[in-house]
Amino acid sequence: MGLEQHRHTAHATQREGRGPIGSGTAVTATDVIRIGGEQARTGRWRGDRHIAYLAPMPEYPAPSADFVRQCLDVLAHRGFERVVTGALSPLEQTGFLAAGFAVEQQLHLLGVDLDDIIDLRRTGCGPIPARLRRGRRKDWDAVLTVDGSAFPPFWRLDEGGLVEAMSATPRFRFRVAETDGRICGYTVCGRAGRRGFVQRLAVDPDHQGMGIGCALLVDGLRWMGRRGVTRAVVNTQIGNDAALALYERVGFRRETVGLSVLSAGLTL
């Protein structure tokens, strides 16, 4: 990182776990920028060596503008040309916007108190033509194929993005839906204390409308509820009416403010 080492340290750390990916514990290496008492996760955006992502750490205060500027300096010296954030709340956006970021995409934020849907049978999820099971490392290629078919290019995950979704919270649940021996859907749900997150939900277009997405979502919410989560949130891009209808049918309600993905160019 050249001259940046004189001003701060930025290095990779290992998030320790007690089992393999898919067991419910994050165990992948996450690149973390630490400057003073602030931290942020970073890495390649969808595997693109020219674009980095920068995301606040869970359970840390919103990043300051000065911290974000120094992170941009670090990423520029690493050779990136552009940086994209995770989905940020208005409070989290403040430091990024002050550091020169602009809005790239806007999303709906939805939340639900799990006590309100303790009887998940009333969600209307009936029998589905698929079997739900724990996701495994060997499923990743098939899962990413489903993801690529279900999302437009900007939102599609590569392997690094899938790992990031699993690593974003201290504990997670990775489930797949399988029919005729083939994976047709999957979900990643996470929890941090009493907060729950639907990190990713995707169903192959040929299998949509069969209740598979609903079953995967309810499975994740039940897992959260058994482990003391009291409130869960999810975000989805504006215009994804099918996803909105599903979440609202299960009990999620739109928050008064949404989320935004921000971006900025990098120069040395």
C-alpha atoms as a PDB file:
ATOM      1  CA  MET A   1       0.000   0.000   0.000  1.00  0.00           C
ATOM      2  CA  GLY A   2       2.999   2.278  -0.224  1.00  0.00           C
ATOM      3  CA  LEU A   3       2.713   5.569   1.624  1.00  0.00           C
ATOM      4  CA  GLU A   4      -0.567   4.597   3.257  1.00  0.00           C
ATOM      5  CA  GLN A   5       1.251   2.457   5.815  1.00  0.00           C
ATOM      6  CA  HIS A   6       2.618   5.598   7.454  1.00  0.00           C
ATOM      7  CA  ARG A   7      -0.869   6.820   8.292  1.00  0.00           C
ATOM      8  CA  HIS A   8      -2.823   3.739   9.285  1.00  0.00           C
ATOM      9  CA  THR A   9      -2.975  -0.023   8.994  1.00  0.00           C
ATOM     10  CA  ALA A  10      -5.282  -1.942   6.714  1.00  0.00           C
ATOM     11  CA  HIS A  11      -5.056  -5.697   6.706  1.00  0.00           C
ATOM     12  CA  ALA A  12      -6.985  -8.929   6.337  1.00  0.00           C
ATOM     13  CA  THR A  13      -8.401 -10.756   9.313  1.00  0.00           C
ATOM     14  CA  GLN A  14      -9.895 -14.204   9.656  1.00  0.00           C
ATOM     15  CA  ARG A  15     -13.434 -14.585  10.948  1.00  0.00           C
ATOM     16  CA  GLU A  16     -13.210 -17.690  13.071  1.00  0.00           C
ATOM     17  CA  GLY A  17     -15.931 -20.335  13.161  1.00  0.00           C
ATOM     18  CA  ARG A  18     -16.570 -23.823  14.421  1.00  0.00           C
ATOM     19  CA  GLY A  19     -17.652 -25.581  11.280  1.00  0.00           C
ATOM     20  CA  PRO A  20     -17.663 -25.602   7.479  1.00  0.00           C
ATOM     21  CA  ILE A  21     -19.586 -23.136   5.361  1.00  0.00           C
ATOM     22  CA  GLY A  22     -23.215 -24.231   5.557  1.00  0.00           C
ATOM     23  CA  SER A  23     -23.029 -25.218   9.224  1.00  0.00           C
ATOM     24  CA  GLY A  24     -24.299 -21.859  10.411  1.00  0.00           C
ATOM     25  CA  THR A  25     -20.978 -20.260  11.380  1.00  0.00           C
ATOM     26  CA  ALA A  26     -19.042 -17.842   9.216  1.00  0.00           C
ATOM     27  CA  VAL A  27     -15.566 -19.194   8.520  1.00  0.00           C
ATOM     28  CA  THR A  28     -14.281 -17.323   5.524  1.00  0.00           C
ATOM     29  CA  ALA A  29     -11.486 -14.785   5.354  1.00  0.00           C
ATOM     30  CA  THR A  30     -12.831 -11.254   5.220  1.00  0.00           C
ATOM     31  CA  ASP A  31     -10.671  -8.320   4.259  1.00  0.00           C
ATOM     32  CA  VAL A  32     -11.166  -5.626   6.902  1.00  0.00           C
ATOM     33  CA  ILE A  33      -9.853  -2.073   6.802  1.00  0.00           C
ATOM     34  CA  ARG A  34      -9.127  -0.820  10.316  1.00  0.00           C
ATOM     35  CA  ILE A  35      -8.294   2.828  10.923  1.00  0.00           C
ATOM     36  CA  GLY A  36      -8.311   3.997  14.507  1.00  0.00           C
ATOM     37  CA  GLY A  37     -11.479   2.651  16.091  1.00  0.00           C
ATOM     38  CA  GLU A  38     -13.396   2.269  12.826  1.00  0.00           C
ATOM     39  CA  GLN A  39     -13.692  -0.773  10.573  1.00  0.00           C
ATOM     40  CA  ALA A  40     -15.203  -1.714   7.223  1.00  0.00           C
ATOM     41  CA  ARG A  41     -15.323  -4.875   5.110  1.00  0.00           C
ATOM     42  CA  THR A  42     -13.951  -4.756   1.608  1.00  0.00           C
ATOM     43  CA  GLY A  43     -13.031  -6.922  -1.374  1.00  0.00           C
ATOM     44  CA  ARG A  44     -13.754  -7.275  -5.082  1.00  0.00           C
ATOM     45  CA  TRP A  45     -17.269  -6.407  -6.223  1.00  0.00           C
ATOM     46  CA  ARG A  46     -18.625  -9.533  -7.919  1.00  0.00           C
ATOM     47  CA  GLY A  47     -15.056 -10.658  -8.566  1.00  0.00           C
ATOM     48  CA  ASP A  48     -14.200  -7.610 -10.697  1.00  0.00           C
ATOM     49  CA  ARG A  49     -10.564  -6.653 -10.075  1.00  0.00           C
ATOM     50  CA  HIS A  50     -11.339  -3.028 -11.028  1.00  0.00           C
ATOM     51  CA  ILE A  51     -14.287  -2.526  -8.651  1.00  0.00           C
ATOM     52  CA  ALA A  52     -14.197  -2.838  -4.871  1.00  0.00           C
ATOM     53  CA  TYR A  53     -17.055  -2.998  -2.408  1.00  0.00           C
ATOM     54  CA  LEU A  54     -16.978  -1.234   0.949  1.00  0.00           C
ATOM     55  CA  ALA A  55     -19.478  -2.104   3.663  1.00  0.00           C
ATOM     56  CA  PRO A  56     -19.859  -1.090   7.312  1.00  0.00           C
ATOM     57  CA  MET A  57     -19.187  -3.763   9.931  1.00  0.00           C
ATOM     58  CA  PRO A  58     -22.235  -5.084  11.812  1.00  0.00           C
ATOM     59  CA  GLU A  59     -22.757  -3.609  15.270  1.00  0.00           C
ATOM     60  CA  TYR A  60     -20.251  -0.786  14.697  1.00  0.00           C
ATOM     61  CA  PRO A  61     -21.161   2.933  14.522  1.00  0.00           C
ATOM     62  CA  ALA A  62     -21.827   4.416  11.084  1.00  0.00           C
ATOM     63  CA  PRO A  63     -18.500   5.202   9.327  1.00  0.00           C
ATOM     64  CA  SER A  64     -17.269   8.797   9.496  1.00  0.00           C
ATOM     65  CA  ALA A  65     -16.478  10.784   6.355  1.00  0.00           C
ATOM     66  CA  ASP A  66     -12.791  10.922   7.284  1.00  0.00           C
ATOM     67  CA  PHE A  67     -12.651   7.149   7.691  1.00  0.00           C
ATOM     68  CA  VAL A  68     -14.392   6.622   4.324  1.00  0.00           C
ATOM     69  CA  ARG A  69     -11.935   8.973   2.586  1.00  0.00           C
ATOM     70  CA  GLN A  70      -8.998   7.038   3.992  1.00  0.00           C
ATOM     71  CA  CYS A  71     -10.600   3.765   2.864  1.00  0.00           C
ATOM     72  CA  LEU A  72     -10.859   5.195  -0.657  1.00  0.00           C
ATOM     73  CA  ASP A  73      -7.161   6.045  -0.489  1.00  0.00           C
ATOM     74  CA  VAL A  74      -6.375   2.465   0.500  1.00  0.00           C
ATOM     75  CA  LEU A  75      -8.505   0.993  -2.292  1.00  0.00           C
ATOM     76  CA  ALA A  76      -7.014   3.316  -4.908  1.00  0.00           C
ATOM     77  CA  HIS A  77      -3.516   2.192  -3.926  1.00  0.00           C
ATOM     78  CA  ARG A  78      -4.660  -1.411  -4.263  1.00  0.00           C
ATOM     79  CA  GLY A  79      -5.437  -0.729  -7.909  1.00  0.00           C
ATOM     80  CA  PHE A  80      -9.209  -0.407  -7.855  1.00  0.00           C
ATOM     81  CA  GLU A  81     -10.859   2.161 -10.126  1.00  0.00           C
ATOM     82  CA  ARG A  82     -14.302   2.288  -8.547  1.00  0.00           C
ATOM     83  CA  VAL A  83     -15.976   1.333  -5.265  1.00  0.00           C
ATOM     84  CA  VAL A  84     -19.565   0.273  -4.525  1.00  0.00           C
ATOM     85  CA  THR A  85     -21.116   0.082  -1.074  1.00  0.00           C
ATOM     86  CA  GLY A  86     -23.422  -2.468   0.409  1.00  0.00           C
ATOM     87  CA  ALA A  87     -27.079  -1.518   0.942  1.00  0.00           C
ATOM     88  CA  LEU A  88     -26.911   1.391   3.398  1.00  0.00           C
ATOM     89  CA  SER A  89     -29.486   3.052   5.639  1.00  0.00           C
ATOM     90  CA  PRO A  90     -29.751   6.860   5.569  1.00  0.00           C
ATOM     91  CA  LEU A  91     -27.638   7.079   8.734  1.00  0.00           C
ATOM     92  CA  GLU A  92     -24.941   4.818   7.280  1.00  0.00           C
ATOM     93  CA  GLN A  93     -24.909   6.837   4.045  1.00  0.00           C
ATOM     94  CA  THR A  94     -23.967  10.117   5.745  1.00  0.00           C
ATOM     95  CA  GLY A  95     -20.211   9.561   5.888  1.00  0.00           C
ATOM     96  CA  PHE A  96     -20.095   8.062   2.388  1.00  0.00           C
ATOM     97  CA  LEU A  97     -22.016  10.935   0.800  1.00  0.00           C
ATOM     98  CA  ALA A  98     -19.795  13.479   2.570  1.00  0.00           C
ATOM     99  CA  ALA A  99     -16.768  11.628   1.160  1.00  0.00           C
ATOM    100  CA  GLY A 100     -18.004  11.991  -2.431  1.00  0.00           C
ATOM    101  CA  PHE A 101     -20.211   8.934  -3.044  1.00  0.00           C
ATOM    102  CA  ALA A 102     -23.417   9.160  -5.103  1.00  0.00           C
ATOM    103  CA  VAL A 103     -26.528   6.956  -5.216  1.00  0.00           C
ATOM    104  CA  GLU A 104     -26.162   3.993  -7.592  1.00  0.00           C
ATOM    105  CA  GLN A 105     -29.307   1.988  -6.774  1.00  0.00           C
ATOM    106  CA  GLN A 106     -32.262   2.371  -4.401  1.00  0.00           C
ATOM    107  CA  LEU A 107     -33.963  -0.438  -2.513  1.00  0.00           C
ATOM    108  CA  HIS A 108     -37.000  -1.081  -0.377  1.00  0.00           C
ATOM    109  CA  LEU A 109     -36.315  -1.994   3.251  1.00  0.00           C
ATOM    110  CA  LEU A 110     -38.879  -4.225   4.922  1.00  0.00           C
ATOM    111  CA  GLY A 111     -39.065  -5.426   8.494  1.00  0.00           C
ATOM    112  CA  VAL A 112     -41.150  -7.753  10.623  1.00  0.00           C
ATOM    113  CA  ASP A 113     -41.405  -8.470  14.330  1.00  0.00           C
ATOM    114  CA  LEU A 114     -41.224 -12.239  14.596  1.00  0.00           C
ATOM    115  CA  ASP A 115     -43.772 -12.204  17.417  1.00  0.00           C
ATOM    116  CA  ASP A 116     -46.252 -10.941  14.829  1.00  0.00           C
ATOM    117  CA  ILE A 117     -45.852 -14.059  12.682  1.00  0.00           C
ATOM    118  CA  ILE A 118     -45.185 -16.650  15.362  1.00  0.00           C
ATOM    119  CA  ASP A 119     -47.744 -18.892  13.652  1.00  0.00           C
ATOM    120  CA  LEU A 120     -46.062 -19.076  10.280  1.00  0.00           C
ATOM    121  CA  ARG A 121     -48.743 -21.390   8.940  1.00  0.00           C
ATOM    122  CA  ARG A 122     -50.909 -18.365   8.200  1.00  0.00           C
ATOM    123  CA  THR A 123     -48.440 -17.194   5.577  1.00  0.00           C
ATOM    124  CA  GLY A 124     -50.162 -19.446   3.068  1.00  0.00           C
ATOM    125  CA  CYS A 125     -47.080 -21.463   2.152  1.00  0.00           C
ATOM    126  CA  GLY A 126     -48.468 -24.829   1.179  1.00  0.00           C
ATOM    127  CA  PRO A 127     -46.817 -28.041  -0.082  1.00  0.00           C
ATOM    128  CA  ILE A 128     -44.112 -27.405  -2.657  1.00  0.00           C
ATOM    129  CA  PRO A 129     -42.642 -29.589  -5.430  1.00  0.00           C
ATOM    130  CA  ALA A 130     -39.176 -29.450  -3.864  1.00  0.00           C
ATOM    131  CA  ARG A 131     -37.196 -30.663  -0.874  1.00  0.00           C
ATOM    132  CA  LEU A 132     -35.435 -28.205   1.431  1.00  0.00           C
ATOM    133  CA  ARG A 133     -32.074 -29.203   2.849  1.00  0.00           C
ATOM    134  CA  ARG A 134     -28.875 -27.714   4.231  1.00  0.00           C
ATOM    135  CA  GLY A 135     -26.684 -26.117   1.607  1.00  0.00           C
ATOM    136  CA  ARG A 136     -23.136 -27.432   1.187  1.00  0.00           C
ATOM    137  CA  ARG A 137     -19.938 -26.228  -0.405  1.00  0.00           C
ATOM    138  CA  LYS A 138     -20.444 -28.561  -3.350  1.00  0.00           C
ATOM    139  CA  ASP A 139     -23.772 -26.813  -4.090  1.00  0.00           C
ATOM    140  CA  TRP A 140     -22.196 -23.421  -4.755  1.00  0.00           C
ATOM    141  CA  ASP A 141     -21.937 -23.748  -8.548  1.00  0.00           C
ATOM    142  CA  ALA A 142     -25.593 -24.763  -8.877  1.00  0.00           C
ATOM    143  CA  VAL A 143     -26.665 -22.053  -6.440  1.00  0.00           C
ATOM    144  CA  LEU A 144     -24.815 -19.383  -8.409  1.00  0.00           C
ATOM    145  CA  THR A 145     -26.459 -20.595 -11.621  1.00  0.00           C
ATOM    146  CA  VAL A 146     -29.860 -20.097  -9.975  1.00  0.00           C
ATOM    147  CA  ASP A 147     -28.766 -16.682  -8.727  1.00  0.00           C
ATOM    148  CA  GLY A 148     -27.650 -15.618 -12.191  1.00  0.00           C
ATOM    149  CA  SER A 149     -30.980 -16.595 -13.699  1.00  0.00           C
ATOM    150  CA  ALA A 150     -33.036 -14.871 -11.004  1.00  0.00           C
ATOM    151  CA  PHE A 151     -31.329 -11.446 -10.841  1.00  0.00           C
ATOM    152  CA  PRO A 152     -30.311  -8.762 -13.353  1.00  0.00           C
ATOM    153  CA  PRO A 153     -26.554  -8.381 -13.920  1.00  0.00           C
ATOM    154  CA  PHE A 154     -25.885  -5.665 -11.319  1.00  0.00           C
ATOM    155  CA  TRP A 155     -27.310  -7.792  -8.503  1.00  0.00           C
ATOM    156  CA  ARG A 156     -25.957 -11.213  -9.479  1.00  0.00           C
ATOM    157  CA  LEU A 157     -23.556 -12.900  -7.086  1.00  0.00           C
ATOM    158  CA  ASP A 158     -20.288 -14.599  -7.901  1.00  0.00           C
ATOM    159  CA  GLU A 159     -18.585 -16.960  -5.466  1.00  0.00           C
ATOM    160  CA  GLY A 160     -17.074 -14.089  -3.518  1.00  0.00           C
ATOM    161  CA  GLY A 161     -20.479 -12.425  -3.207  1.00  0.00           C
ATOM    162  CA  LEU A 162     -22.027 -15.647  -1.934  1.00  0.00           C
ATOM    163  CA  VAL A 163     -19.307 -15.988   0.672  1.00  0.00           C
ATOM    164  CA  GLU A 164     -19.798 -12.349   1.632  1.00  0.00           C
ATOM    165  CA  ALA A 165     -23.524 -12.974   2.193  1.00  0.00           C
ATOM    166  CA  MET A 166     -22.661 -15.838   4.533  1.00  0.00           C
ATOM    167  CA  SER A 167     -19.979 -13.842   6.318  1.00  0.00           C
ATOM    168  CA  ALA A 168     -21.974 -10.663   6.906  1.00  0.00           C
ATOM    169  CA  THR A 169     -23.372 -11.853  10.254  1.00  0.00           C
ATOM    170  CA  PRO A 170     -21.918 -13.946  13.094  1.00  0.00           C
ATOM    171  CA  ARG A 171     -24.323 -16.831  12.375  1.00  0.00           C
ATOM    172  CA  PHE A 172     -26.134 -17.826   9.202  1.00  0.00           C
ATOM    173  CA  ARG A 173     -28.354 -20.494   7.662  1.00  0.00           C
ATOM    174  CA  PHE A 174     -27.745 -21.672   4.095  1.00  0.00           C
ATOM    175  CA  ARG A 175     -30.601 -23.736   2.630  1.00  0.00           C
ATOM    176  CA  VAL A 176     -31.368 -25.020  -0.852  1.00  0.00           C
ATOM    177  CA  ALA A 177     -34.521 -26.262  -2.548  1.00  0.00           C
ATOM    178  CA  GLU A 178     -34.048 -29.351  -4.679  1.00  0.00           C
ATOM    179  CA  THR A 179     -36.359 -30.969  -7.210  1.00  0.00           C
ATOM    180  CA  ASP A 180     -35.587 -34.000  -9.372  1.00  0.00           C
ATOM    181  CA  GLY A 181     -32.037 -33.941  -8.026  1.00  0.00           C
ATOM    182  CA  ARG A 182     -31.408 -30.342  -9.143  1.00  0.00           C
ATOM    183  CA  ILE A 183     -31.218 -27.154  -7.082  1.00  0.00           C
ATOM    184  CA  CYS A 184     -33.969 -24.719  -8.026  1.00  0.00           C
ATOM    185  CA  GLY A 185     -33.723 -22.175  -5.204  1.00  0.00           C
ATOM    186  CA  TYR A 186     -31.753 -21.143  -2.153  1.00  0.00           C
ATOM    187  CA  THR A 187     -31.638 -18.739   0.748  1.00  0.00           C
ATOM    188  CA  VAL A 188     -29.042 -17.304   3.111  1.00  0.00           C
ATOM    189  CA  CYS A 189     -30.374 -15.930   6.387  1.00  0.00           C
ATOM    190  CA  GLY A 190     -28.234 -14.423   9.121  1.00  0.00           C
ATOM    191  CA  ARG A 191     -28.540 -13.304  12.712  1.00  0.00           C
ATOM    192  CA  ALA A 192     -26.631 -10.948  14.965  1.00  0.00           C
ATOM    193  CA  GLY A 193     -27.939 -11.009  18.502  1.00  0.00           C
ATOM    194  CA  ARG A 194     -31.694 -10.512  18.358  1.00  0.00           C
ATOM    195  CA  ARG A 195     -31.612  -9.106  14.831  1.00  0.00           C
ATOM    196  CA  GLY A 196     -32.264 -11.275  11.797  1.00  0.00           C
ATOM    197  CA  PHE A 197     -31.452 -10.691   8.130  1.00  0.00           C
ATOM    198  CA  VAL A 198     -32.672 -12.315   4.927  1.00  0.00           C
ATOM    199  CA  GLN A 199     -29.393 -11.928   3.089  1.00  0.00           C
ATOM    200  CA  ARG A 200     -30.343 -13.664  -0.160  1.00  0.00           C
ATOM    201  CA  LEU A 201     -33.344 -15.464  -1.612  1.00  0.00           C
ATOM    202  CA  ALA A 202     -33.462 -16.715  -5.189  1.00  0.00           C
ATOM    203  CA  VAL A 203     -35.609 -19.153  -7.148  1.00  0.00           C
ATOM    204  CA  ASP A 204     -34.994 -20.256 -10.718  1.00  0.00           C
ATOM    205  CA  PRO A 205     -37.534 -18.516 -12.997  1.00  0.00           C
ATOM    206  CA  ASP A 206     -38.828 -21.881 -14.282  1.00  0.00           C
ATOM    207  CA  HIS A 207     -39.801 -22.777 -10.705  1.00  0.00           C
ATOM    208  CA  GLN A 208     -41.218 -19.460  -9.543  1.00  0.00           C
ATOM    209  CA  GLY A 209     -44.877 -19.253  -8.541  1.00  0.00           C
ATOM    210  CA  MET A 210     -44.804 -22.710  -6.913  1.00  0.00           C
ATOM    211  CA  GLY A 211     -44.335 -21.581  -3.317  1.00  0.00           C
ATOM    212  CA  ILE A 212     -40.634 -22.451  -3.171  1.00  0.00           C
ATOM    213  CA  GLY A 213     -39.535 -18.925  -2.297  1.00  0.00           C
ATOM    214  CA  CYS A 214     -42.178 -18.729   0.417  1.00  0.00           C
ATOM    215  CA  ALA A 215     -41.054 -22.050   1.907  1.00  0.00           C
ATOM    216  CA  LEU A 216     -37.395 -20.989   1.934  1.00  0.00           C
ATOM    217  CA  LEU A 217     -38.284 -17.659   3.548  1.00  0.00           C
ATOM    218  CA  VAL A 218     -40.444 -19.213   6.263  1.00  0.00           C
ATOM    219  CA  ASP A 219     -37.752 -21.809   6.949  1.00  0.00           C
ATOM    220  CA  GLY A 220     -35.279 -18.998   7.620  1.00  0.00           C
ATOM    221  CA  LEU A 221     -37.695 -17.065   9.826  1.00  0.00           C
ATOM    222  CA  ARG A 222     -38.415 -20.160  11.899  1.00  0.00           C
ATOM    223  CA  TRP A 223     -34.678 -20.672  12.372  1.00  0.00           C
ATOM    224  CA  MET A 224     -34.334 -17.077  13.564  1.00  0.00           C
ATOM    225  CA  GLY A 225     -37.261 -17.393  15.951  1.00  0.00           C
ATOM    226  CA  ARG A 226     -35.879 -20.562  17.552  1.00  0.00           C
ATOM    227  CA  ARG A 227     -32.662 -18.680  18.306  1.00  0.00           C
ATOM    228  CA  GLY A 228     -34.112 -15.640  19.980  1.00  0.00           C
ATOM    229  CA  VAL A 229     -34.348 -13.224  17.043  1.00  0.00           C
ATOM    230  CA  THR A 230     -37.131 -10.707  17.648  1.00  0.00           C
ATOM    231  CA  ARG A 231     -37.027  -8.688  14.420  1.00  0.00           C
ATOM    232  CA  ALA A 232     -35.977  -9.537  10.880  1.00  0.00           C
ATOM    233  CA  VAL A 233     -35.309  -7.283   7.898  1.00  0.00           C
ATOM    234  CA  VAL A 234     -34.879  -7.743   4.170  1.00  0.00           C
ATOM    235  CA  ASN A 235     -34.243  -5.433   1.238  1.00  0.00           C
ATOM    236  CA  THR A 236     -35.166  -5.752  -2.399  1.00  0.00           C
ATOM    237  CA  GLN A 237     -34.663  -3.543  -5.414  1.00  0.00           C
ATOM    238  CA  ILE A 238     -37.369  -1.071  -6.358  1.00  0.00           C
ATOM    239  CA  GLY A 239     -39.507  -2.574  -9.110  1.00  0.00           C
ATOM    240  CA  ASN A 240     -39.218  -6.190  -7.927  1.00  0.00           C
ATOM    241  CA  ASP A 241     -42.955  -6.481  -7.354  1.00  0.00           C
ATOM    242  CA  ALA A 242     -42.971 -10.267  -7.059  1.00  0.00           C
ATOM    243  CA  ALA A 243     -40.476 -10.203  -4.193  1.00  0.00           C
ATOM    244  CA  LEU A 244     -42.366  -7.393  -2.466  1.00  0.00           C
ATOM    245  CA  ALA A 245     -45.617  -9.358  -2.693  1.00  0.00           C
ATOM    246  CA  LEU A 246     -43.969 -12.420  -1.159  1.00  0.00           C
ATOM    247  CA  TYR A 247     -42.408 -10.556   1.753  1.00  0.00           C
ATOM    248  CA  GLU A 248     -45.589  -8.659   2.515  1.00  0.00           C
ATOM    249  CA  ARG A 249     -47.678 -11.827   2.376  1.00  0.00           C
ATOM    250  CA  VAL A 250     -45.433 -13.407   4.984  1.00  0.00           C
ATOM    251  CA  GLY A 251     -45.777 -10.360   7.233  1.00  0.00           C
ATOM    252  CA  PHE A 252     -42.990  -7.936   6.320  1.00  0.00           C
ATOM    253  CA  ARG A 253     -43.907  -4.258   6.076  1.00  0.00           C
ATOM    254  CA  ARG A 254     -42.087  -1.503   4.185  1.00  0.00           C
ATOM    255  CA  GLU A 255     -40.088   0.876   6.341  1.00  0.00           C
ATOM    256  CA  THR A 256     -40.694   4.599   5.884  1.00  0.00           C
ATOM    257  CA  VAL A 257     -37.134   5.019   4.581  1.00  0.00           C
ATOM    258  CA  GLY A 258     -35.351   2.693   2.207  1.00  0.00           C
ATOM    259  CA  LEU A 259     -31.753   1.754   1.515  1.00  0.00           C
ATOM    260  CA  SER A 260     -29.310   2.838  -1.152  1.00  0.00           C
ATOM    261  CA  VAL A 261     -26.245   1.369  -2.803  1.00  0.00           C
ATOM    262  CA  LEU A 262     -23.677   4.125  -3.355  1.00  0.00           C
ATOM    263  CA  SER A 263     -20.660   4.318  -5.655  1.00  0.00           C
ATOM    264  CA  ALA A 264     -17.600   6.480  -6.205  1.00  0.00           C
ATOM    265  CA  GLY A 265     -14.698   6.670  -8.638  1.00  0.00           C
ATOM    266  CA  LEU A 266     -11.132   6.242  -7.376  1.00  0.00           C
ATOM    267  CA  THR A 267      -8.051   8.201  -8.335  1.00  0.00           C
ATOM    268  CA  LEU A 268      -4.494   8.163  -6.975  1.00  0.00           C
END
